[in-house]
Amino acid sequence: RNYSVSWSPFPDGSLQILLRYDDTYRSDLDALSQIYSPRVRWNITDRWYAEVAYERAVFDSPLELSDRSTYTASTRIWF
């Protein structure tokens, strides 16, 4: 199952709020993978944006259990 939602609270779309959720079960491995990822992107100008994101990934199988969290912040300017 994959779900994705995005919302832009301002008419010009300069601020974007995105949320993604992926849920995958592989019966051949008896493995469950889940990824939850919200992010916020601010389009400061037509050529400059800043983005903050979080991702949590969980993998669960009879052989392995892992839980990972990642935080990122980035900006991009192009000419």
PDB file of N, CA and C in Angstrom:
ATOM      1  N   ARG A   1       0.837  -1.170   0.000  1.00  0.00           N
ATOM      2  CA  ARG A   1       0.000   0.000   0.000  1.00  0.00           C
ATOM      3  C   ARG A   1       0.881   1.232   0.000  1.00  0.00           C
ATOM      4  N   ASN A   2       0.519   2.174  -0.815  1.00  0.00           N
ATOM      5  CA  ASN A   2       1.244   3.435  -0.894  1.00  0.00           C
ATOM      6  C   ASN A   2       0.241   4.575  -0.799  1.00  0.00           C
ATOM      7  N   TYR A   3       0.531   5.521   0.069  1.00  0.00           N
ATOM      8  CA  TYR A   3      -0.329   6.683   0.218  1.00  0.00           C
ATOM      9  C   TYR A   3       0.539   7.923   0.117  1.00  0.00           C
ATOM     10  N   SER A   4      -0.017   8.950  -0.494  1.00  0.00           N
ATOM     11  CA  SER A   4       0.712  10.195  -0.644  1.00  0.00           C
ATOM     12  C   SER A   4      -0.285  11.343  -0.616  1.00  0.00           C
ATOM     13  N   VAL A   5       0.036  12.375   0.169  1.00  0.00           N
ATOM     14  CA  VAL A   5      -0.822  13.548   0.288  1.00  0.00           C
ATOM     15  C   VAL A   5       0.064  14.778   0.205  1.00  0.00           C
ATOM     16  N   SER A   6      -0.399  15.766  -0.521  1.00  0.00           N
ATOM     17  CA  SER A   6       0.322  17.034  -0.530  1.00  0.00           C
ATOM     18  C   SER A   6      -0.695  18.159  -0.363  1.00  0.00           C
ATOM     19  N   TRP A   7      -0.240  19.235   0.255  1.00  0.00           N
ATOM     20  CA  TRP A   7      -1.119  20.366   0.521  1.00  0.00           C
ATOM     21  C   TRP A   7      -0.305  21.636   0.413  1.00  0.00           C
ATOM     22  N   SER A   8      -0.876  22.615  -0.221  1.00  0.00           N
ATOM     23  CA  SER A   8      -0.238  23.919  -0.355  1.00  0.00           C
ATOM     24  C   SER A   8      -1.192  24.958   0.231  1.00  0.00           C
ATOM     25  N   PRO A   9      -0.888  25.489   1.419  1.00  0.00           N
ATOM     26  CA  PRO A   9      -1.829  26.378   2.100  1.00  0.00           C
ATOM     27  C   PRO A   9      -1.972  27.768   1.466  1.00  0.00           C
ATOM     28  N   PHE A  10      -1.057  28.139   0.587  1.00  0.00           N
ATOM     29  CA  PHE A  10      -1.125  29.457  -0.037  1.00  0.00           C
ATOM     30  C   PHE A  10      -1.449  29.314  -1.520  1.00  0.00           C
ATOM     31  N   PRO A  11      -2.199  30.263  -2.102  1.00  0.00           N
ATOM     32  CA  PRO A  11      -2.613  30.148  -3.508  1.00  0.00           C
ATOM     33  C   PRO A  11      -1.450  30.054  -4.493  1.00  0.00           C
ATOM     34  N   ASP A  12      -0.324  30.687  -4.210  1.00  0.00           N
ATOM     35  CA  ASP A  12       0.797  30.664  -5.154  1.00  0.00           C
ATOM     36  C   ASP A  12       1.642  29.388  -5.054  1.00  0.00           C
ATOM     37  N   GLY A  13       1.370  28.536  -4.073  1.00  0.00           N
ATOM     38  CA  GLY A  13       2.096  27.275  -3.930  1.00  0.00           C
ATOM     39  C   GLY A  13       3.508  27.428  -3.401  1.00  0.00           C
ATOM     40  N   SER A  14       3.819  28.551  -2.779  1.00  0.00           N
ATOM     41  CA  SER A  14       5.189  28.761  -2.300  1.00  0.00           C
ATOM     42  C   SER A  14       5.553  27.852  -1.124  1.00  0.00           C
ATOM     43  N   LEU A  15       4.566  27.396  -0.376  1.00  0.00           N
ATOM     44  CA  LEU A  15       4.807  26.464   0.725  1.00  0.00           C
ATOM     45  C   LEU A  15       4.073  25.166   0.410  1.00  0.00           C
ATOM     46  N   GLN A  16       4.790  24.049   0.466  1.00  0.00           N
ATOM     47  CA  GLN A  16       4.196  22.752   0.179  1.00  0.00           C
ATOM     48  C   GLN A  16       4.460  21.806   1.344  1.00  0.00           C
ATOM     49  N   ILE A  17       3.426  21.117   1.755  1.00  0.00           N
ATOM     50  CA  ILE A  17       3.529  20.129   2.823  1.00  0.00           C
ATOM     51  C   ILE A  17       3.180  18.779   2.204  1.00  0.00           C
ATOM     52  N   LEU A  18       4.102  17.832   2.320  1.00  0.00           N
ATOM     53  CA  LEU A  18       3.925  16.524   1.678  1.00  0.00           C
ATOM     54  C   LEU A  18       4.053  15.420   2.722  1.00  0.00           C
ATOM     55  N   LEU A  19       3.265  14.389   2.561  1.00  0.00           N
ATOM     56  CA  LEU A  19       3.299  13.240   3.465  1.00  0.00           C
ATOM     57  C   LEU A  19       3.206  11.976   2.626  1.00  0.00           C
ATOM     58  N   ARG A  20       4.123  11.043   2.862  1.00  0.00           N
ATOM     59  CA  ARG A  20       4.149   9.780   2.129  1.00  0.00           C
ATOM     60  C   ARG A  20       4.207   8.623   3.112  1.00  0.00           C
ATOM     61  N   TYR A  21       3.482   7.559   2.795  1.00  0.00           N
ATOM     62  CA  TYR A  21       3.507   6.346   3.599  1.00  0.00           C
ATOM     63  C   TYR A  21       3.510   5.143   2.656  1.00  0.00           C
ATOM     64  N   ASP A  22       4.472   4.275   2.819  1.00  0.00           N
ATOM     65  CA  ASP A  22       4.560   3.043   2.035  1.00  0.00           C
ATOM     66  C   ASP A  22       4.562   1.861   2.992  1.00  0.00           C
ATOM     67  N   ASP A  23       3.787   0.862   2.656  1.00  0.00           N
ATOM     68  CA  ASP A  23       3.662  -0.340   3.470  1.00  0.00           C
ATOM     69  C   ASP A  23       3.741  -1.538   2.526  1.00  0.00           C
ATOM     70  N   THR A  24       4.781  -2.368   2.680  1.00  0.00           N
ATOM     71  CA  THR A  24       4.984  -3.493   1.773  1.00  0.00           C
ATOM     72  C   THR A  24       5.182  -4.769   2.586  1.00  0.00           C
ATOM     73  N   TYR A  25       4.441  -5.808   2.211  1.00  0.00           N
ATOM     74  CA  TYR A  25       4.617  -7.104   2.843  1.00  0.00           C
ATOM     75  C   TYR A  25       5.019  -8.108   1.768  1.00  0.00           C
ATOM     76  N   ARG A  26       6.127  -8.811   2.006  1.00  0.00           N
ATOM     77  CA  ARG A  26       6.584  -9.861   1.084  1.00  0.00           C
ATOM     78  C   ARG A  26       6.357 -11.205   1.757  1.00  0.00           C
ATOM     79  N   SER A  27       5.371 -11.925   1.264  1.00  0.00           N
ATOM     80  CA  SER A  27       5.016 -13.209   1.890  1.00  0.00           C
ATOM     81  C   SER A  27       6.107 -14.261   1.717  1.00  0.00           C
ATOM     82  N   ASP A  28       6.871 -14.194   0.618  1.00  0.00           N
ATOM     83  CA  ASP A  28       7.941 -15.185   0.417  1.00  0.00           C
ATOM     84  C   ASP A  28       9.048 -15.052   1.461  1.00  0.00           C
ATOM     85  N   LEU A  29       9.246 -13.859   1.990  1.00  0.00           N
ATOM     86  CA  LEU A  29      10.258 -13.638   3.028  1.00  0.00           C
ATOM     87  C   LEU A  29       9.649 -13.428   4.411  1.00  0.00           C
ATOM     88  N   ASP A  30       8.334 -13.366   4.483  1.00  0.00           N
ATOM     89  CA  ASP A  30       7.620 -13.018   5.713  1.00  0.00           C
ATOM     90  C   ASP A  30       8.184 -11.707   6.277  1.00  0.00           C
ATOM     91  N   ALA A  31       8.315 -10.708   5.384  1.00  0.00           N
ATOM     92  CA  ALA A  31       8.963  -9.447   5.744  1.00  0.00           C
ATOM     93  C   ALA A  31       8.012  -8.274   5.525  1.00  0.00           C
ATOM     94  N   LEU A  32       8.033  -7.365   6.470  1.00  0.00           N
ATOM     95  CA  LEU A  32       7.219  -6.150   6.408  1.00  0.00           C
ATOM     96  C   LEU A  32       8.136  -4.936   6.367  1.00  0.00           C
ATOM     97  N   SER A  33       7.889  -4.057   5.427  1.00  0.00           N
ATOM     98  CA  SER A  33       8.653  -2.819   5.296  1.00  0.00           C
ATOM     99  C   SER A  33       7.679  -1.647   5.356  1.00  0.00           C
ATOM    100  N   GLN A  34       7.976  -0.665   6.209  1.00  0.00           N
ATOM    101  CA  GLN A  34       7.124   0.517   6.334  1.00  0.00           C
ATOM    102  C   GLN A  34       7.996   1.766   6.276  1.00  0.00           C
ATOM    103  N   ILE A  35       7.547   2.748   5.497  1.00  0.00           N
ATOM    104  CA  ILE A  35       8.262   4.023   5.399  1.00  0.00           C
ATOM    105  C   ILE A  35       7.254   5.144   5.581  1.00  0.00           C
ATOM    106  N   TYR A  36       7.574   6.053   6.496  1.00  0.00           N
ATOM    107  CA  TYR A  36       6.749   7.220   6.779  1.00  0.00           C
ATOM    108  C   TYR A  36       7.631   8.441   6.543  1.00  0.00           C
ATOM    109  N   SER A  37       7.170   9.375   5.701  1.00  0.00           N
ATOM    110  CA  SER A  37       8.039  10.479   5.321  1.00  0.00           C
ATOM    111  C   SER A  37       7.273  11.789   5.123  1.00  0.00           C
ATOM    112  N   PRO A  38       7.252  12.656   6.135  1.00  0.00           N
ATOM    113  CA  PRO A  38       6.710  14.001   5.929  1.00  0.00           C
ATOM    114  C   PRO A  38       7.827  14.961   5.499  1.00  0.00           C
ATOM    115  N   ARG A  39       7.470  15.974   4.718  1.00  0.00           N
ATOM    116  CA  ARG A  39       8.453  16.989   4.320  1.00  0.00           C
ATOM    117  C   ARG A  39       7.744  18.307   4.071  1.00  0.00           C
ATOM    118  N   VAL A  40       8.496  19.386   4.244  1.00  0.00           N
ATOM    119  CA  VAL A  40       8.004  20.736   3.986  1.00  0.00           C
ATOM    120  C   VAL A  40       8.972  21.399   3.030  1.00  0.00           C
ATOM    121  N   ARG A  41       8.416  21.985   1.973  1.00  0.00           N
ATOM    122  CA  ARG A  41       9.247  22.679   0.981  1.00  0.00           C
ATOM    123  C   ARG A  41       8.732  24.100   0.827  1.00  0.00           C
ATOM    124  N   TRP A  42       9.657  25.050   0.874  1.00  0.00           N
ATOM    125  CA  TRP A  42       9.334  26.460   0.709  1.00  0.00           C
ATOM    126  C   TRP A  42      10.031  26.955  -0.553  1.00  0.00           C
ATOM    127  N   ASN A  43       9.240  27.324  -1.552  1.00  0.00           N
ATOM    128  CA  ASN A  43       9.768  27.896  -2.788  1.00  0.00           C
ATOM    129  C   ASN A  43       9.946  29.395  -2.551  1.00  0.00           C
ATOM    130  N   ILE A  44      11.145  29.785  -2.168  1.00  0.00           N
ATOM    131  CA  ILE A  44      11.434  31.160  -1.778  1.00  0.00           C
ATOM    132  C   ILE A  44      11.303  32.090  -2.983  1.00  0.00           C
ATOM    133  N   THR A  45      11.878  31.683  -4.109  1.00  0.00           N
ATOM    134  CA  THR A  45      11.702  32.374  -5.388  1.00  0.00           C
ATOM    135  C   THR A  45      11.536  31.303  -6.462  1.00  0.00           C
ATOM    136  N   ASP A  46      11.442  31.709  -7.718  1.00  0.00           N
ATOM    137  CA  ASP A  46      11.345  30.742  -8.815  1.00  0.00           C
ATOM    138  C   ASP A  46      12.617  29.910  -8.953  1.00  0.00           C
ATOM    139  N   ARG A  47      13.729  30.392  -8.412  1.00  0.00           N
ATOM    140  CA  ARG A  47      15.017  29.717  -8.568  1.00  0.00           C
ATOM    141  C   ARG A  47      15.683  29.340  -7.240  1.00  0.00           C
ATOM    142  N   TRP A  48      14.910  29.318  -6.190  1.00  0.00           N
ATOM    143  CA  TRP A  48      15.492  29.031  -4.882  1.00  0.00           C
ATOM    144  C   TRP A  48      14.442  28.362  -4.005  1.00  0.00           C
ATOM    145  N   TYR A  49      14.798  27.213  -3.411  1.00  0.00           N
ATOM    146  CA  TYR A  49      13.893  26.575  -2.457  1.00  0.00           C
ATOM    147  C   TYR A  49      14.680  26.025  -1.268  1.00  0.00           C
ATOM    148  N   ALA A  50      13.972  25.835  -0.183  1.00  0.00           N
ATOM    149  CA  ALA A  50      14.514  25.201   1.018  1.00  0.00           C
ATOM    150  C   ALA A  50      13.550  24.083   1.404  1.00  0.00           C
ATOM    151  N   GLU A  51      14.107  22.975   1.896  1.00  0.00           N
ATOM    152  CA  GLU A  51      13.282  21.813   2.217  1.00  0.00           C
ATOM    153  C   GLU A  51      13.771  21.156   3.496  1.00  0.00           C
ATOM    154  N   VAL A  52      12.832  20.734   4.322  1.00  0.00           N
ATOM    155  CA  VAL A  52      13.118  20.001   5.554  1.00  0.00           C
ATOM    156  C   VAL A  52      12.314  18.709   5.484  1.00  0.00           C
ATOM    157  N   ALA A  53      12.969  17.591   5.812  1.00  0.00           N
ATOM    158  CA  ALA A  53      12.287  16.295   5.700  1.00  0.00           C
ATOM    159  C   ALA A  53      12.681  15.371   6.843  1.00  0.00           C
ATOM    160  N   TYR A  54      11.797  14.439   7.115  1.00  0.00           N
ATOM    161  CA  TYR A  54      12.021  13.378   8.098  1.00  0.00           C
ATOM    162  C   TYR A  54      11.582  12.075   7.434  1.00  0.00           C
ATOM    163  N   GLU A  55      12.319  11.005   7.688  1.00  0.00           N
ATOM    164  CA  GLU A  55      11.906   9.701   7.180  1.00  0.00           C
ATOM    165  C   GLU A  55      12.140   8.654   8.248  1.00  0.00           C
ATOM    166  N   ARG A  56      11.134   7.838   8.463  1.00  0.00           N
ATOM    167  CA  ARG A  56      11.273   6.709   9.379  1.00  0.00           C
ATOM    168  C   ARG A  56      10.995   5.439   8.589  1.00  0.00           C
ATOM    169  N   ALA A  57      11.939   4.523   8.615  1.00  0.00           N
ATOM    170  CA  ALA A  57      11.823   3.262   7.890  1.00  0.00           C
ATOM    171  C   ALA A  57      11.966   2.109   8.873  1.00  0.00           C
ATOM    172  N   VAL A  58      11.037   1.174   8.802  1.00  0.00           N
ATOM    173  CA  VAL A  58      11.051  -0.012   9.658  1.00  0.00           C
ATOM    174  C   VAL A  58      11.015  -1.243   8.761  1.00  0.00           C
ATOM    175  N   PHE A  59      11.913  -2.178   9.021  1.00  0.00           N
ATOM    176  CA  PHE A  59      11.947  -3.457   8.308  1.00  0.00           C
ATOM    177  C   PHE A  59      11.882  -4.563   9.341  1.00  0.00           C
ATOM    178  N   ASP A  60      10.923  -5.466   9.182  1.00  0.00           N
ATOM    179  CA  ASP A  60      10.723  -6.531  10.165  1.00  0.00           C
ATOM    180  C   ASP A  60      10.578  -7.864   9.438  1.00  0.00           C
ATOM    181  N   SER A  61      11.476  -8.786   9.733  1.00  0.00           N
ATOM    182  CA  SER A  61      11.420 -10.132   9.177  1.00  0.00           C
ATOM    183  C   SER A  61      11.924 -11.099  10.245  1.00  0.00           C
ATOM    184  N   PRO A  62      11.780 -12.387  10.036  1.00  0.00           N
ATOM    185  CA  PRO A  62      12.292 -13.352  11.027  1.00  0.00           C
ATOM    186  C   PRO A  62      13.805 -13.262  11.232  1.00  0.00           C
ATOM    187  N   LEU A  63      14.533 -12.753  10.238  1.00  0.00           N
ATOM    188  CA  LEU A  63      15.993 -12.679  10.340  1.00  0.00           C
ATOM    189  C   LEU A  63      16.519 -11.316  10.759  1.00  0.00           C
ATOM    190  N   GLU A  64      15.697 -10.285  10.627  1.00  0.00           N
ATOM    191  CA  GLU A  64      16.212  -8.939  10.871  1.00  0.00           C
ATOM    192  C   GLU A  64      15.094  -7.999  11.320  1.00  0.00           C
ATOM    193  N   LEU A  65      15.446  -7.101  12.214  1.00  0.00           N
ATOM    194  CA  LEU A  65      14.558  -6.017  12.607  1.00  0.00           C
ATOM    195  C   LEU A  65      15.375  -4.742  12.597  1.00  0.00           C
ATOM    196  N   SER A  66      14.974  -3.782  11.804  1.00  0.00           N
ATOM    197  CA  SER A  66      15.702  -2.510  11.785  1.00  0.00           C
ATOM    198  C   SER A  66      14.704  -1.362  11.824  1.00  0.00           C
ATOM    199  N   ASP A  67      15.124  -0.304  12.468  1.00  0.00           N
ATOM    200  CA  ASP A  67      14.309   0.901  12.615  1.00  0.00           C
ATOM    201  C   ASP A  67      15.251   2.084  12.416  1.00  0.00           C
ATOM    202  N   ARG A  68      15.013   2.857  11.381  1.00  0.00           N
ATOM    203  CA  ARG A  68      15.927   3.945  11.023  1.00  0.00           C
ATOM    204  C   ARG A  68      15.156   5.249  10.914  1.00  0.00           C
ATOM    205  N   SER A  69      15.715   6.309  11.457  1.00  0.00           N
ATOM    206  CA  SER A  69      15.145   7.648  11.327  1.00  0.00           C
ATOM    207  C   SER A  69      16.188   8.565  10.708  1.00  0.00           C
ATOM    208  N   THR A  70      15.748   9.379   9.743  1.00  0.00           N
ATOM    209  CA  THR A  70      16.649  10.279   9.044  1.00  0.00           C
ATOM    210  C   THR A  70      16.025  11.665   8.973  1.00  0.00           C
ATOM    211  N   TYR A  71      16.815  12.664   9.317  1.00  0.00           N
ATOM    212  CA  TYR A  71      16.397  14.058   9.203  1.00  0.00           C
ATOM    213  C   TYR A  71      17.285  14.730   8.165  1.00  0.00           C
ATOM    214  N   THR A  72      16.688  15.510   7.271  1.00  0.00           N
ATOM    215  CA  THR A  72      17.477  16.237   6.280  1.00  0.00           C
ATOM    216  C   THR A  72      16.945  17.655   6.121  1.00  0.00           C
ATOM    217  N   ALA A  73      17.848  18.539   5.796  1.00  0.00           N
ATOM    218  CA  ALA A  73      17.510  19.917   5.443  1.00  0.00           C
ATOM    219  C   ALA A  73      18.378  20.288   4.249  1.00  0.00           C
ATOM    220  N   SER A  74      17.767  20.908   3.255  1.00  0.00           N
ATOM    221  CA  SER A  74      18.533  21.258   2.065  1.00  0.00           C
ATOM    222  C   SER A  74      17.978  22.536   1.448  1.00  0.00           C
ATOM    223  N   THR A  75      18.818  23.145   0.662  1.00  0.00           N
ATOM    224  CA  THR A  75      18.404  24.314  -0.110  1.00  0.00           C
ATOM    225  C   THR A  75      19.064  24.207  -1.483  1.00  0.00           C
ATOM    226  N   ARG A  76      18.407  24.803  -2.454  1.00  0.00           N
ATOM    227  CA  ARG A  76      18.966  24.786  -3.806  1.00  0.00           C
ATOM    228  C   ARG A  76      18.700  26.133  -4.463  1.00  0.00           C
ATOM    229  N   ILE A  77      19.766  26.679  -5.044  1.00  0.00           N
ATOM    230  CA  ILE A  77      19.687  27.926  -5.800  1.00  0.00           C
ATOM    231  C   ILE A  77      20.304  27.666  -7.158  1.00  0.00           C
ATOM    232  N   TRP A  78      19.627  28.025  -8.220  1.00  0.00           N
ATOM    233  CA  TRP A  78      20.210  27.873  -9.544  1.00  0.00           C
ATOM    234  C   TRP A  78      20.045  29.169 -10.329  1.00  0.00           C
ATOM    235  N   PHE A  79      20.976  29.343 -11.293  1.00  0.00           N
ATOM    236  CA  PHE A  79      21.035  30.591 -12.061  1.00  0.00           C
ATOM    237  C   PHE A  79      20.674  30.348 -13.498  1.00  0.00           C
TER     238      PHE A  79
END
